[in-house]
Amino acid sequence: MPGEAAWLVGERRSTGERKYYLPSFLSETPLKDLARSIKARWVCEQAH
């Protein structure tokens, strides 16, 4: 909703590639949990 806090996560890989994510987690979510979820999604997509 407008005015609510949101996460914008940026990733810079060793290849120079940059990726950005706008997850729908609560603003109180620990950064480690965000990173774990983003990486788990990437691993799942690679399996398909």
N, C-alpha and C. Protein backbone atom coordinates (compact mmCIF):
# COMPACT_ATOMS: atom_id res chain seq x y z
N MET A 1 0.83 -1.18 0.00
CA MET A 1 0.00 0.00 0.00
C MET A 1 0.88 1.25 0.00
N PRO A 2 0.46 2.29 -0.62
CA PRO A 2 1.24 3.53 -0.64
C PRO A 2 1.54 4.02 0.78
N GLY A 3 2.76 4.44 0.98
CA GLY A 3 3.17 4.96 2.27
C GLY A 3 3.73 3.92 3.22
N GLU A 4 3.57 2.64 2.91
CA GLU A 4 4.10 1.59 3.77
C GLU A 4 5.56 1.32 3.42
N ALA A 5 6.32 0.89 4.42
CA ALA A 5 7.73 0.56 4.20
C ALA A 5 7.83 -0.69 3.32
N ALA A 6 8.86 -0.75 2.51
CA ALA A 6 9.07 -1.90 1.63
C ALA A 6 10.57 -2.14 1.47
N TRP A 7 10.92 -3.36 1.17
CA TRP A 7 12.30 -3.72 0.91
C TRP A 7 12.61 -3.56 -0.57
N LEU A 8 13.77 -3.02 -0.89
CA LEU A 8 14.33 -3.06 -2.23
C LEU A 8 15.72 -3.64 -2.05
N VAL A 9 15.94 -4.84 -2.59
CA VAL A 9 17.20 -5.56 -2.39
C VAL A 9 17.97 -5.53 -3.70
N GLY A 10 19.23 -5.10 -3.63
CA GLY A 10 20.11 -5.08 -4.80
C GLY A 10 21.21 -6.10 -4.62
N GLU A 11 21.61 -6.71 -5.73
CA GLU A 11 22.68 -7.71 -5.70
C GLU A 11 23.65 -7.39 -6.83
N ARG A 12 24.92 -7.35 -6.53
CA ARG A 12 25.95 -7.17 -7.55
C ARG A 12 26.80 -8.43 -7.56
N ARG A 13 26.74 -9.15 -8.66
CA ARG A 13 27.47 -10.42 -8.77
C ARG A 13 28.90 -10.18 -9.20
N SER A 14 29.74 -11.20 -9.03
CA SER A 14 31.16 -11.08 -9.36
C SER A 14 31.37 -10.83 -10.86
N THR A 15 30.39 -11.16 -11.69
CA THR A 15 30.47 -10.93 -13.13
C THR A 15 30.16 -9.48 -13.49
N GLY A 16 29.72 -8.70 -12.52
CA GLY A 16 29.33 -7.32 -12.76
C GLY A 16 27.83 -7.17 -12.99
N GLU A 17 27.14 -8.30 -13.14
CA GLU A 17 25.69 -8.28 -13.33
C GLU A 17 25.02 -7.76 -12.06
N ARG A 18 23.97 -6.97 -12.25
CA ARG A 18 23.21 -6.45 -11.11
C ARG A 18 21.78 -6.93 -11.20
N LYS A 19 21.23 -7.30 -10.05
CA LYS A 19 19.84 -7.75 -9.97
C LYS A 19 19.17 -6.99 -8.83
N TYR A 20 17.89 -6.74 -9.02
CA TYR A 20 17.12 -6.02 -8.01
C TYR A 20 15.84 -6.80 -7.72
N TYR A 21 15.45 -6.80 -6.48
CA TYR A 21 14.26 -7.53 -6.03
C TYR A 21 13.41 -6.59 -5.19
N LEU A 22 12.10 -6.71 -5.33
CA LEU A 22 11.16 -5.97 -4.50
C LEU A 22 10.26 -7.00 -3.83
N PRO A 23 10.78 -7.64 -2.76
CA PRO A 23 10.01 -8.70 -2.10
C PRO A 23 8.87 -8.13 -1.26
N SER A 24 7.90 -8.96 -1.00
CA SER A 24 6.73 -8.52 -0.24
C SER A 24 6.81 -8.94 1.23
N PHE A 25 8.00 -8.92 1.79
CA PHE A 25 8.20 -9.25 3.20
C PHE A 25 7.90 -8.03 4.06
N LEU A 26 7.58 -8.27 5.31
CA LEU A 26 7.38 -7.18 6.26
C LEU A 26 8.68 -6.40 6.44
N SER A 27 8.58 -5.13 6.76
CA SER A 27 9.77 -4.30 6.92
C SER A 27 10.64 -4.76 8.09
N GLU A 28 10.06 -5.52 9.03
CA GLU A 28 10.82 -6.01 10.19
C GLU A 28 11.59 -7.30 9.89
N THR A 29 11.44 -7.84 8.70
CA THR A 29 12.10 -9.10 8.34
C THR A 29 13.61 -8.93 8.37
N PRO A 30 14.32 -9.82 9.06
CA PRO A 30 15.79 -9.74 9.09
C PRO A 30 16.39 -9.91 7.69
N LEU A 31 17.48 -9.21 7.43
CA LEU A 31 18.15 -9.25 6.13
C LEU A 31 18.57 -10.68 5.76
N LYS A 32 19.02 -11.46 6.73
CA LYS A 32 19.41 -12.85 6.44
C LYS A 32 18.23 -13.66 5.90
N ASP A 33 17.04 -13.44 6.44
CA ASP A 33 15.86 -14.14 5.95
C ASP A 33 15.52 -13.73 4.52
N LEU A 34 15.66 -12.44 4.22
CA LEU A 34 15.43 -11.97 2.85
C LEU A 34 16.40 -12.63 1.88
N ALA A 35 17.67 -12.60 2.22
CA ALA A 35 18.69 -13.18 1.34
C ALA A 35 18.46 -14.67 1.15
N ARG A 36 18.12 -15.37 2.21
CA ARG A 36 17.87 -16.81 2.13
C ARG A 36 16.71 -17.11 1.18
N SER A 37 15.66 -16.34 1.29
CA SER A 37 14.48 -16.55 0.44
C SER A 37 14.78 -16.24 -1.03
N ILE A 38 15.51 -15.18 -1.28
CA ILE A 38 15.86 -14.81 -2.65
C ILE A 38 16.72 -15.89 -3.28
N LYS A 39 17.71 -16.38 -2.56
CA LYS A 39 18.60 -17.42 -3.10
C LYS A 39 17.87 -18.75 -3.26
N ALA A 40 16.95 -19.07 -2.37
CA ALA A 40 16.19 -20.31 -2.50
C ALA A 40 15.33 -20.27 -3.75
N ARG A 41 14.78 -19.14 -4.06
CA ARG A 41 13.97 -18.99 -5.27
C ARG A 41 14.85 -19.20 -6.50
N TRP A 42 16.04 -18.64 -6.51
CA TRP A 42 16.95 -18.75 -7.65
C TRP A 42 17.33 -20.22 -7.86
N VAL A 43 17.64 -20.94 -6.81
CA VAL A 43 18.00 -22.34 -6.91
C VAL A 43 16.83 -23.16 -7.48
N CYS A 44 15.63 -22.84 -7.03
CA CYS A 44 14.43 -23.53 -7.51
C CYS A 44 14.24 -23.29 -9.01
N GLU A 45 14.44 -22.05 -9.45
CA GLU A 45 14.27 -21.74 -10.87
C GLU A 45 15.31 -22.44 -11.73
N GLN A 46 16.51 -22.61 -11.23
CA GLN A 46 17.56 -23.30 -11.98
C GLN A 46 17.22 -24.77 -12.20
N ALA A 47 16.47 -25.34 -11.28
CA ALA A 47 16.10 -26.76 -11.38
C ALA A 47 15.06 -26.99 -12.47
N HIS A 48 14.34 -25.94 -12.84
CA HIS A 48 13.32 -26.10 -13.88
C HIS A 48 13.99 -25.97 -15.20
